[in-house]
Amino acid sequence: MRKIRIIEHISLDGVMQHENDEHFNHSGWSNPYRTPTGLAAVVEAHGTSFDLLLGRRTYDAWANFWPNAGDNPMANGLNAATKYVVTHRPESLEWGPAKALGADIIAGIRAIKSTEGPDLVVGGSSTLISILLEEGLVDELVLISYPLLLGSGKRFFSVSAAAQELAFVRTFTTPTGVVINTYKYVGALGRSAV
């Protein structure tokens, strides 16, 4: 059975948005804090072999960047991974290998999770993350927290999210103060740790 691991870059106030739009103008906010040490830790968090579980907007954004990012461990891993995508337009999945999850995304995710294969890594995809947490399908969360407050933007934890319990696994701090915390997903708040 595969594990689902969320790996997310967030500000201290929980903002995960990176792209500019009419309500958010802080694109590139994580760039000044990135270091070779931090990159090595993020590559390690992904593992040597993984597949991706992505929402359509994240898939499209990454498809425009990662195939042209050059020869490096992060790009190579993401480009080689099978991308399982929440989409109504499966015919347009050009950054491959890629497969649509189908009309019933929960059933699709459960089916993929029940197979043998590499872990499934989720990045970006805020709507998908909310669904995965609500359905109890997450096994691990890696939250990469940057030492800044953005105030506005798409948040990792939505206001309507149910209370969740996590168990601390490990932490790592980069020279620029980025803290990489790994947690095991426990479930709804109040359940005892397994």
N, C-alpha and C. Protein backbone atom coordinates (compact mmCIF):
# COMPACT_ATOMS: atom_id res chain seq x y z
N MET A 1 0.85 -1.19 0.00
CA MET A 1 0.00 0.00 0.00
C MET A 1 0.89 1.25 0.00
N ARG A 2 0.52 2.19 -0.83
CA ARG A 2 1.29 3.42 -0.93
C ARG A 2 0.92 4.39 0.19
N LYS A 3 1.86 5.26 0.53
CA LYS A 3 1.58 6.32 1.49
C LYS A 3 1.38 7.62 0.73
N ILE A 4 0.57 8.51 1.30
CA ILE A 4 0.40 9.85 0.74
C ILE A 4 1.12 10.82 1.66
N ARG A 5 2.05 11.58 1.07
CA ARG A 5 2.87 12.53 1.83
C ARG A 5 2.65 13.93 1.24
N ILE A 6 2.19 14.85 2.06
CA ILE A 6 2.04 16.24 1.64
C ILE A 6 3.34 16.96 1.96
N ILE A 7 3.89 17.65 0.97
CA ILE A 7 5.10 18.46 1.17
C ILE A 7 4.75 19.87 0.72
N GLU A 8 4.74 20.80 1.67
CA GLU A 8 4.24 22.13 1.36
C GLU A 8 5.14 23.23 1.91
N HIS A 9 5.42 24.23 1.08
CA HIS A 9 6.15 25.43 1.48
C HIS A 9 5.12 26.44 1.98
N ILE A 10 5.27 26.90 3.24
CA ILE A 10 4.29 27.83 3.81
C ILE A 10 4.99 28.95 4.58
N SER A 11 4.32 30.09 4.67
CA SER A 11 4.79 31.17 5.53
C SER A 11 4.37 30.83 6.97
N LEU A 12 4.88 31.57 7.93
CA LEU A 12 4.51 31.30 9.33
C LEU A 12 3.02 31.47 9.58
N ASP A 13 2.35 32.30 8.78
CA ASP A 13 0.90 32.45 8.95
C ASP A 13 0.11 31.55 8.00
N GLY A 14 0.78 30.51 7.47
CA GLY A 14 0.09 29.47 6.73
C GLY A 14 -0.19 29.71 5.27
N VAL A 15 0.35 30.78 4.68
CA VAL A 15 0.13 31.05 3.26
C VAL A 15 1.00 30.11 2.43
N MET A 16 0.38 29.45 1.45
CA MET A 16 1.11 28.54 0.58
C MET A 16 1.13 29.03 -0.86
N GLN A 17 0.43 30.10 -1.15
CA GLN A 17 0.32 30.62 -2.52
C GLN A 17 1.65 31.20 -2.97
N HIS A 18 2.01 30.90 -4.21
CA HIS A 18 3.25 31.43 -4.76
C HIS A 18 3.01 32.27 -6.01
N GLU A 19 1.93 32.00 -6.74
CA GLU A 19 1.70 32.70 -8.00
C GLU A 19 1.01 34.04 -7.75
N ASN A 20 1.30 35.00 -8.62
CA ASN A 20 0.65 36.30 -8.53
C ASN A 20 -0.75 36.23 -9.14
N ASP A 21 -1.68 36.93 -8.55
CA ASP A 21 -2.98 37.18 -9.17
C ASP A 21 -3.45 38.53 -8.63
N GLU A 22 -4.68 38.90 -8.96
CA GLU A 22 -5.15 40.24 -8.58
C GLU A 22 -5.25 40.47 -7.07
N HIS A 23 -5.24 39.38 -6.27
CA HIS A 23 -5.37 39.53 -4.82
C HIS A 23 -4.07 39.19 -4.07
N PHE A 24 -3.02 38.83 -4.80
CA PHE A 24 -1.79 38.38 -4.14
C PHE A 24 -0.59 38.80 -4.97
N ASN A 25 0.28 39.63 -4.40
CA ASN A 25 1.44 40.09 -5.16
C ASN A 25 2.76 39.79 -4.47
N HIS A 26 2.89 38.62 -3.90
CA HIS A 26 4.13 38.26 -3.23
C HIS A 26 4.84 37.09 -3.91
N SER A 27 4.70 36.98 -5.23
CA SER A 27 5.33 35.88 -5.95
C SER A 27 6.83 35.83 -5.63
N GLY A 28 7.35 34.62 -5.48
CA GLY A 28 8.77 34.46 -5.21
C GLY A 28 9.17 34.69 -3.76
N TRP A 29 8.21 34.72 -2.84
CA TRP A 29 8.51 35.04 -1.44
C TRP A 29 9.47 34.05 -0.78
N SER A 30 9.53 32.84 -1.25
CA SER A 30 10.42 31.85 -0.62
C SER A 30 11.85 31.90 -1.17
N ASN A 31 12.05 32.51 -2.32
CA ASN A 31 13.36 32.50 -2.99
C ASN A 31 14.53 33.01 -2.14
N PRO A 32 14.40 34.12 -1.41
CA PRO A 32 15.56 34.60 -0.64
C PRO A 32 16.01 33.65 0.48
N TYR A 33 15.17 32.72 0.85
CA TYR A 33 15.48 31.83 1.97
C TYR A 33 16.02 30.47 1.52
N ARG A 34 16.03 30.24 0.22
CA ARG A 34 16.44 28.92 -0.27
C ARG A 34 17.96 28.79 -0.26
N THR A 35 18.42 27.60 0.14
CA THR A 35 19.85 27.31 0.23
C THR A 35 20.09 25.89 -0.31
N PRO A 36 21.33 25.56 -0.65
CA PRO A 36 21.64 24.19 -1.05
C PRO A 36 21.29 23.18 0.06
N THR A 37 21.50 23.57 1.32
CA THR A 37 21.16 22.69 2.44
C THR A 37 19.65 22.43 2.49
N GLY A 38 18.86 23.48 2.29
CA GLY A 38 17.41 23.34 2.28
C GLY A 38 16.94 22.50 1.11
N LEU A 39 17.54 22.72 -0.07
CA LEU A 39 17.17 21.94 -1.24
C LEU A 39 17.46 20.46 -1.00
N ALA A 40 18.60 20.16 -0.42
CA ALA A 40 18.95 18.76 -0.13
C ALA A 40 17.92 18.14 0.82
N ALA A 41 17.47 18.90 1.81
CA ALA A 41 16.47 18.39 2.76
C ALA A 41 15.13 18.16 2.08
N VAL A 42 14.74 19.04 1.16
CA VAL A 42 13.48 18.88 0.44
C VAL A 42 13.55 17.69 -0.50
N VAL A 43 14.67 17.53 -1.20
CA VAL A 43 14.85 16.37 -2.08
C VAL A 43 14.78 15.08 -1.26
N GLU A 44 15.41 15.09 -0.09
CA GLU A 44 15.37 13.92 0.80
C GLU A 44 13.95 13.62 1.26
N ALA A 45 13.16 14.67 1.55
CA ALA A 45 11.77 14.48 1.99
C ALA A 45 10.93 13.82 0.89
N HIS A 46 11.23 14.11 -0.36
CA HIS A 46 10.51 13.48 -1.47
C HIS A 46 10.86 12.00 -1.60
N GLY A 47 12.10 11.63 -1.28
CA GLY A 47 12.54 10.26 -1.42
C GLY A 47 13.16 10.02 -2.78
N THR A 48 13.73 8.85 -2.97
CA THR A 48 14.42 8.55 -4.21
C THR A 48 13.46 8.17 -5.33
N SER A 49 12.28 7.70 -5.00
CA SER A 49 11.28 7.34 -5.99
C SER A 49 9.91 7.71 -5.44
N PHE A 50 9.15 8.45 -6.23
CA PHE A 50 7.82 8.87 -5.79
C PHE A 50 6.97 9.17 -7.01
N ASP A 51 5.66 9.16 -6.82
CA ASP A 51 4.72 9.64 -7.82
C ASP A 51 4.06 10.89 -7.26
N LEU A 52 3.37 11.64 -8.11
CA LEU A 52 2.73 12.88 -7.69
C LEU A 52 1.22 12.75 -7.74
N LEU A 53 0.56 13.39 -6.79
CA LEU A 53 -0.89 13.50 -6.74
C LEU A 53 -1.17 14.99 -6.75
N LEU A 54 -1.79 15.50 -7.83
CA LEU A 54 -1.88 16.94 -8.02
C LEU A 54 -3.27 17.39 -8.45
N GLY A 55 -3.63 18.60 -8.01
CA GLY A 55 -4.80 19.28 -8.55
C GLY A 55 -4.44 19.82 -9.92
N ARG A 56 -5.43 20.15 -10.71
CA ARG A 56 -5.18 20.56 -12.10
C ARG A 56 -4.39 21.86 -12.20
N ARG A 57 -4.69 22.86 -11.36
CA ARG A 57 -3.96 24.13 -11.46
C ARG A 57 -2.49 23.95 -11.12
N THR A 58 -2.20 23.13 -10.10
CA THR A 58 -0.81 22.88 -9.75
C THR A 58 -0.12 22.10 -10.88
N TYR A 59 -0.81 21.10 -11.41
CA TYR A 59 -0.24 20.34 -12.53
C TYR A 59 0.13 21.28 -13.68
N ASP A 60 -0.78 22.17 -14.06
CA ASP A 60 -0.52 23.09 -15.17
C ASP A 60 0.66 24.02 -14.86
N ALA A 61 0.69 24.56 -13.65
CA ALA A 61 1.80 25.46 -13.27
C ALA A 61 3.14 24.72 -13.29
N TRP A 62 3.17 23.52 -12.73
CA TRP A 62 4.41 22.75 -12.70
C TRP A 62 4.81 22.29 -14.10
N ALA A 63 3.83 21.96 -14.95
CA ALA A 63 4.12 21.53 -16.32
C ALA A 63 4.78 22.64 -17.13
N ASN A 64 4.51 23.89 -16.75
CA ASN A 64 5.14 25.03 -17.44
C ASN A 64 6.53 25.33 -16.91
N PHE A 65 6.90 24.75 -15.77
CA PHE A 65 8.20 25.07 -15.17
C PHE A 65 9.17 23.88 -15.17
N TRP A 66 8.79 22.76 -14.56
CA TRP A 66 9.73 21.68 -14.27
C TRP A 66 10.35 21.01 -15.49
N PRO A 67 9.66 20.83 -16.60
CA PRO A 67 10.32 20.21 -17.76
C PRO A 67 11.48 21.05 -18.30
N ASN A 68 11.49 22.34 -17.98
CA ASN A 68 12.55 23.25 -18.46
C ASN A 68 13.51 23.68 -17.36
N ALA A 69 13.47 23.00 -16.21
CA ALA A 69 14.26 23.43 -15.05
C ALA A 69 15.69 22.88 -15.06
N GLY A 70 16.06 22.13 -16.06
CA GLY A 70 17.43 21.63 -16.15
C GLY A 70 17.62 20.30 -15.44
N ASP A 71 18.86 19.86 -15.45
CA ASP A 71 19.23 18.57 -14.89
C ASP A 71 19.63 18.76 -13.43
N ASN A 72 18.69 18.50 -12.52
CA ASN A 72 18.98 18.59 -11.09
C ASN A 72 18.08 17.58 -10.38
N PRO A 73 18.43 17.17 -9.16
CA PRO A 73 17.67 16.11 -8.49
C PRO A 73 16.17 16.40 -8.33
N MET A 74 15.81 17.65 -8.03
CA MET A 74 14.40 17.98 -7.84
C MET A 74 13.65 17.86 -9.16
N ALA A 75 14.14 18.52 -10.20
CA ALA A 75 13.49 18.48 -11.51
C ALA A 75 13.44 17.06 -12.05
N ASN A 76 14.53 16.33 -11.92
CA ASN A 76 14.57 14.96 -12.44
C ASN A 76 13.53 14.08 -11.75
N GLY A 77 13.40 14.21 -10.44
CA GLY A 77 12.41 13.41 -9.70
C GLY A 77 10.99 13.75 -10.09
N LEU A 78 10.68 15.04 -10.19
CA LEU A 78 9.33 15.47 -10.54
C LEU A 78 8.98 15.10 -11.97
N ASN A 79 9.93 15.26 -12.89
CA ASN A 79 9.67 14.94 -14.29
C ASN A 79 9.48 13.44 -14.50
N ALA A 80 10.20 12.61 -13.76
CA ALA A 80 10.11 11.15 -13.91
C ALA A 80 8.86 10.57 -13.25
N ALA A 81 8.34 11.25 -12.24
CA ALA A 81 7.19 10.73 -11.48
C ALA A 81 5.95 10.60 -12.35
N THR A 82 5.14 9.58 -12.08
CA THR A 82 3.81 9.51 -12.68
C THR A 82 2.95 10.54 -11.96
N LYS A 83 2.25 11.36 -12.73
CA LYS A 83 1.41 12.41 -12.16
C LYS A 83 -0.05 11.95 -12.21
N TYR A 84 -0.67 11.77 -11.04
CA TYR A 84 -2.09 11.46 -10.94
C TYR A 84 -2.80 12.78 -10.70
N VAL A 85 -3.70 13.16 -11.61
CA VAL A 85 -4.22 14.52 -11.65
C VAL A 85 -5.74 14.56 -11.53
N VAL A 86 -6.23 15.47 -10.69
CA VAL A 86 -7.66 15.77 -10.61
C VAL A 86 -7.96 16.68 -11.79
N THR A 87 -8.72 16.17 -12.76
CA THR A 87 -9.00 16.97 -13.95
C THR A 87 -10.25 16.48 -14.66
N HIS A 88 -10.90 17.42 -15.35
CA HIS A 88 -12.02 17.10 -16.23
C HIS A 88 -11.54 17.08 -17.68
N ARG A 89 -10.23 17.34 -17.89
CA ARG A 89 -9.67 17.41 -19.24
C ARG A 89 -8.47 16.45 -19.36
N PRO A 90 -8.71 15.15 -19.23
CA PRO A 90 -7.58 14.20 -19.24
C PRO A 90 -6.80 14.19 -20.56
N GLU A 91 -7.46 14.56 -21.65
CA GLU A 91 -6.79 14.54 -22.95
C GLU A 91 -5.68 15.59 -23.05
N SER A 92 -5.68 16.57 -22.13
CA SER A 92 -4.68 17.64 -22.21
C SER A 92 -3.53 17.47 -21.22
N LEU A 93 -3.36 16.28 -20.68
CA LEU A 93 -2.25 16.03 -19.74
C LEU A 93 -1.00 15.69 -20.55
N GLU A 94 -0.24 16.71 -20.90
CA GLU A 94 0.92 16.51 -21.77
C GLU A 94 2.21 16.26 -21.00
N TRP A 95 2.31 16.76 -19.77
CA TRP A 95 3.53 16.54 -18.98
C TRP A 95 3.39 15.18 -18.33
N GLY A 96 4.05 14.21 -18.89
CA GLY A 96 3.84 12.85 -18.43
C GLY A 96 5.07 12.23 -17.81
N PRO A 97 4.91 11.01 -17.40
CA PRO A 97 3.68 10.24 -17.51
C PRO A 97 2.59 10.81 -16.60
N ALA A 98 1.35 10.83 -17.10
CA ALA A 98 0.24 11.41 -16.34
C ALA A 98 -1.03 10.61 -16.55
N LYS A 99 -1.84 10.54 -15.49
CA LYS A 99 -3.12 9.84 -15.54
C LYS A 99 -4.15 10.66 -14.79
N ALA A 100 -5.36 10.73 -15.33
CA ALA A 100 -6.46 11.41 -14.65
C ALA A 100 -7.02 10.51 -13.56
N LEU A 101 -7.48 11.09 -12.47
CA LEU A 101 -8.04 10.32 -11.36
C LEU A 101 -9.46 9.83 -11.63
N GLY A 102 -10.13 10.41 -12.62
CA GLY A 102 -11.50 9.99 -12.93
C GLY A 102 -12.52 10.88 -12.25
N ALA A 103 -13.78 10.60 -12.51
CA ALA A 103 -14.88 11.43 -12.00
C ALA A 103 -15.00 11.36 -10.49
N ASP A 104 -14.79 10.20 -9.90
CA ASP A 104 -14.86 10.05 -8.44
C ASP A 104 -13.42 10.07 -7.91
N ILE A 105 -12.96 11.27 -7.55
CA ILE A 105 -11.53 11.39 -7.20
C ILE A 105 -11.18 10.63 -5.91
N ILE A 106 -12.10 10.56 -4.96
CA ILE A 106 -11.82 9.81 -3.73
C ILE A 106 -11.63 8.33 -4.05
N ALA A 107 -12.51 7.77 -4.87
CA ALA A 107 -12.37 6.36 -5.26
C ALA A 107 -11.07 6.16 -6.05
N GLY A 108 -10.75 7.12 -6.92
CA GLY A 108 -9.51 7.04 -7.70
C GLY A 108 -8.29 7.06 -6.81
N ILE A 109 -8.28 7.94 -5.83
CA ILE A 109 -7.14 8.04 -4.91
C ILE A 109 -7.03 6.78 -4.06
N ARG A 110 -8.15 6.31 -3.54
CA ARG A 110 -8.13 5.08 -2.74
C ARG A 110 -7.61 3.90 -3.56
N ALA A 111 -8.01 3.81 -4.82
CA ALA A 111 -7.56 2.72 -5.68
C ALA A 111 -6.05 2.78 -5.90
N ILE A 112 -5.52 3.97 -6.17
CA ILE A 112 -4.07 4.13 -6.38
C ILE A 112 -3.32 3.85 -5.09
N LYS A 113 -3.83 4.36 -3.99
CA LYS A 113 -3.17 4.19 -2.68
C LYS A 113 -3.10 2.71 -2.30
N SER A 114 -4.06 1.91 -2.73
CA SER A 114 -4.10 0.50 -2.35
C SER A 114 -3.16 -0.38 -3.17
N THR A 115 -2.53 0.20 -4.20
CA THR A 115 -1.63 -0.57 -5.04
C THR A 115 -0.21 -0.54 -4.48
N GLU A 116 0.63 -1.40 -5.04
CA GLU A 116 2.06 -1.35 -4.72
C GLU A 116 2.70 -0.29 -5.59
N GLY A 117 3.68 0.40 -5.06
CA GLY A 117 4.38 1.41 -5.84
C GLY A 117 4.97 2.45 -4.92
N PRO A 118 5.59 3.46 -5.52
CA PRO A 118 6.20 4.51 -4.71
C PRO A 118 5.15 5.35 -3.99
N ASP A 119 5.61 6.05 -2.95
CA ASP A 119 4.71 6.96 -2.24
C ASP A 119 4.17 8.03 -3.18
N LEU A 120 3.04 8.59 -2.81
CA LEU A 120 2.40 9.66 -3.56
C LEU A 120 2.67 10.97 -2.84
N VAL A 121 3.30 11.90 -3.52
CA VAL A 121 3.64 13.20 -2.94
C VAL A 121 2.68 14.25 -3.49
N VAL A 122 2.14 15.06 -2.58
CA VAL A 122 1.24 16.15 -2.94
C VAL A 122 1.95 17.46 -2.65
N GLY A 123 1.98 18.35 -3.62
CA GLY A 123 2.51 19.70 -3.44
C GLY A 123 1.51 20.67 -4.02
N GLY A 124 1.50 21.92 -3.53
CA GLY A 124 0.49 22.86 -4.01
C GLY A 124 -0.88 22.27 -3.75
N SER A 125 -1.78 22.38 -4.72
CA SER A 125 -3.05 21.65 -4.71
C SER A 125 -3.86 21.84 -3.43
N SER A 126 -4.11 23.08 -3.04
CA SER A 126 -4.78 23.37 -1.76
C SER A 126 -6.15 22.72 -1.64
N THR A 127 -6.94 22.70 -2.70
CA THR A 127 -8.26 22.08 -2.63
C THR A 127 -8.13 20.58 -2.42
N LEU A 128 -7.22 19.95 -3.13
CA LEU A 128 -6.98 18.51 -2.99
C LEU A 128 -6.49 18.17 -1.58
N ILE A 129 -5.61 19.00 -1.02
CA ILE A 129 -5.10 18.76 0.34
C ILE A 129 -6.26 18.74 1.34
N SER A 130 -7.18 19.68 1.22
CA SER A 130 -8.33 19.72 2.13
C SER A 130 -9.14 18.44 2.04
N ILE A 131 -9.36 17.94 0.83
CA ILE A 131 -10.12 16.71 0.64
C ILE A 131 -9.38 15.52 1.25
N LEU A 132 -8.08 15.44 1.00
CA LEU A 132 -7.28 14.32 1.52
C LEU A 132 -7.30 14.28 3.04
N LEU A 133 -7.16 15.46 3.68
CA LEU A 133 -7.20 15.52 5.14
C LEU A 133 -8.58 15.15 5.66
N GLU A 134 -9.61 15.68 5.03
CA GLU A 134 -10.99 15.39 5.45
C GLU A 134 -11.31 13.90 5.35
N GLU A 135 -10.78 13.25 4.34
CA GLU A 135 -11.05 11.82 4.11
C GLU A 135 -10.10 10.90 4.88
N GLY A 136 -9.12 11.49 5.60
CA GLY A 136 -8.18 10.68 6.36
C GLY A 136 -7.23 9.87 5.49
N LEU A 137 -6.89 10.39 4.31
CA LEU A 137 -6.04 9.66 3.38
C LEU A 137 -4.56 10.03 3.48
N VAL A 138 -4.22 11.00 4.30
CA VAL A 138 -2.83 11.47 4.42
C VAL A 138 -2.08 10.62 5.44
N ASP A 139 -0.85 10.28 5.13
CA ASP A 139 -0.01 9.54 6.06
C ASP A 139 1.02 10.43 6.74
N GLU A 140 1.54 11.41 5.99
CA GLU A 140 2.61 12.24 6.53
C GLU A 140 2.53 13.64 5.94
N LEU A 141 2.90 14.63 6.74
CA LEU A 141 2.97 16.01 6.27
C LEU A 141 4.38 16.53 6.52
N VAL A 142 4.95 17.17 5.50
CA VAL A 142 6.23 17.85 5.64
C VAL A 142 5.93 19.32 5.39
N LEU A 143 5.98 20.12 6.44
CA LEU A 143 5.69 21.55 6.33
C LEU A 143 6.99 22.32 6.37
N ILE A 144 7.28 23.03 5.29
CA ILE A 144 8.51 23.80 5.15
C ILE A 144 8.15 25.25 5.43
N SER A 145 8.45 25.70 6.64
CA SER A 145 7.99 27.02 7.12
C SER A 145 9.08 28.07 6.98
N TYR A 146 8.72 29.16 6.33
CA TYR A 146 9.65 30.26 6.08
C TYR A 146 9.43 31.36 7.11
N PRO A 147 10.50 32.04 7.54
CA PRO A 147 10.38 33.04 8.61
C PRO A 147 9.83 34.38 8.11
N LEU A 148 8.59 34.37 7.67
CA LEU A 148 7.93 35.61 7.27
C LEU A 148 6.42 35.45 7.38
N LEU A 149 5.74 36.58 7.50
CA LEU A 149 4.28 36.63 7.55
C LEU A 149 3.81 37.34 6.29
N LEU A 150 2.91 36.73 5.54
CA LEU A 150 2.44 37.32 4.29
C LEU A 150 1.08 38.00 4.44
N GLY A 151 0.34 37.66 5.47
CA GLY A 151 -0.94 38.33 5.73
C GLY A 151 -2.09 37.86 4.87
N SER A 152 -1.89 37.78 3.56
CA SER A 152 -2.98 37.35 2.68
C SER A 152 -2.46 36.29 1.72
N GLY A 153 -3.38 35.61 1.08
CA GLY A 153 -3.03 34.57 0.12
C GLY A 153 -3.70 33.27 0.47
N LYS A 154 -3.62 32.32 -0.45
CA LYS A 154 -4.22 31.00 -0.26
C LYS A 154 -3.50 30.30 0.88
N ARG A 155 -4.26 29.78 1.81
CA ARG A 155 -3.69 29.17 3.01
C ARG A 155 -3.71 27.66 2.96
N PHE A 156 -2.75 27.07 3.63
CA PHE A 156 -2.66 25.61 3.72
C PHE A 156 -3.85 25.04 4.48
N PHE A 157 -4.19 25.66 5.60
CA PHE A 157 -5.30 25.20 6.41
C PHE A 157 -6.48 26.14 6.16
N SER A 158 -7.52 25.64 5.50
CA SER A 158 -8.66 26.50 5.21
C SER A 158 -9.42 26.79 6.50
N VAL A 159 -10.18 27.86 6.49
CA VAL A 159 -10.94 28.28 7.66
C VAL A 159 -11.98 27.24 8.04
N SER A 160 -12.46 26.50 7.05
CA SER A 160 -13.51 25.52 7.31
C SER A 160 -12.96 24.12 7.60
N ALA A 161 -11.63 23.97 7.65
CA ALA A 161 -11.04 22.64 7.86
C ALA A 161 -11.38 22.11 9.25
N ALA A 162 -11.61 20.81 9.31
CA ALA A 162 -11.87 20.16 10.60
C ALA A 162 -10.57 20.10 11.40
N ALA A 163 -10.69 20.10 12.72
CA ALA A 163 -9.51 20.02 13.59
C ALA A 163 -8.82 18.67 13.38
N GLN A 164 -7.51 18.71 13.21
CA GLN A 164 -6.73 17.51 12.92
C GLN A 164 -5.59 17.37 13.93
N GLU A 165 -5.21 16.13 14.20
CA GLU A 165 -4.11 15.86 15.12
C GLU A 165 -2.94 15.28 14.34
N LEU A 166 -1.75 15.80 14.62
CA LEU A 166 -0.52 15.34 13.98
C LEU A 166 0.45 14.89 15.07
N ALA A 167 1.29 13.93 14.75
CA ALA A 167 2.33 13.48 15.68
C ALA A 167 3.68 13.91 15.12
N PHE A 168 4.46 14.58 15.93
CA PHE A 168 5.78 15.07 15.51
C PHE A 168 6.72 13.91 15.20
N VAL A 169 7.44 14.00 14.08
CA VAL A 169 8.41 12.98 13.70
C VAL A 169 9.83 13.54 13.80
N ARG A 170 10.10 14.66 13.11
CA ARG A 170 11.45 15.25 13.15
C ARG A 170 11.40 16.70 12.66
N THR A 171 12.51 17.39 12.90
CA THR A 171 12.63 18.77 12.44
C THR A 171 14.04 19.01 11.92
N PHE A 172 14.17 19.99 11.06
CA PHE A 172 15.46 20.38 10.50
C PHE A 172 15.38 21.87 10.21
N THR A 173 16.43 22.62 10.53
CA THR A 173 16.46 24.05 10.27
C THR A 173 17.60 24.38 9.32
N THR A 174 17.31 25.19 8.31
CA THR A 174 18.32 25.60 7.35
C THR A 174 19.07 26.83 7.88
N PRO A 175 20.19 27.19 7.27
CA PRO A 175 20.93 28.38 7.71
C PRO A 175 20.14 29.68 7.62
N THR A 176 19.10 29.75 6.79
CA THR A 176 18.30 30.97 6.66
C THR A 176 17.06 30.97 7.54
N GLY A 177 16.93 29.98 8.42
CA GLY A 177 15.80 29.94 9.35
C GLY A 177 14.57 29.24 8.84
N VAL A 178 14.66 28.57 7.70
CA VAL A 178 13.54 27.77 7.21
C VAL A 178 13.50 26.50 8.06
N VAL A 179 12.32 26.19 8.59
CA VAL A 179 12.17 25.03 9.46
C VAL A 179 11.36 23.97 8.71
N ILE A 180 11.93 22.79 8.60
CA ILE A 180 11.27 21.68 7.90
C ILE A 180 10.81 20.69 8.95
N ASN A 181 9.50 20.69 9.20
CA ASN A 181 8.92 19.81 10.20
C ASN A 181 8.17 18.67 9.53
N THR A 182 8.40 17.47 9.99
CA THR A 182 7.71 16.29 9.48
C THR A 182 6.78 15.77 10.57
N TYR A 183 5.55 15.48 10.17
CA TYR A 183 4.53 14.99 11.09
C TYR A 183 3.86 13.75 10.51
N LYS A 184 3.47 12.85 11.37
CA LYS A 184 2.62 11.72 11.00
C LYS A 184 1.19 12.19 11.20
N TYR A 185 0.32 11.87 10.26
CA TYR A 185 -1.08 12.23 10.38
C TYR A 185 -1.75 11.25 11.34
N VAL A 186 -2.43 11.77 12.35
CA VAL A 186 -3.12 10.94 13.34
C VAL A 186 -4.60 10.85 13.01
N GLY A 187 -5.23 11.97 12.74
CA GLY A 187 -6.66 11.97 12.40
C GLY A 187 -7.38 13.15 13.04
N ALA A 188 -8.67 13.00 13.17
CA ALA A 188 -9.48 14.04 13.78
C ALA A 188 -8.98 14.33 15.19
N LEU A 189 -8.97 15.57 15.58
CA LEU A 189 -8.49 15.95 16.91
C LEU A 189 -9.23 15.16 17.98
N GLY A 190 -8.45 14.61 18.91
CA GLY A 190 -9.05 13.85 20.00
C GLY A 190 -8.77 12.37 19.91
N ARG A 191 -8.44 11.86 18.70
CA ARG A 191 -8.07 10.44 18.58
C ARG A 191 -6.69 10.27 19.17
N SER A 192 -6.45 9.13 19.80
CA SER A 192 -5.12 8.89 20.37
C SER A 192 -4.17 8.45 19.27
N ALA A 193 -2.90 8.78 19.42
CA ALA A 193 -1.89 8.45 18.41
C ALA A 193 -1.77 6.94 18.29
N VAL A 194 -1.57 6.50 17.06
CA VAL A 194 -1.45 5.06 16.77
C VAL A 194 -0.03 4.62 16.97
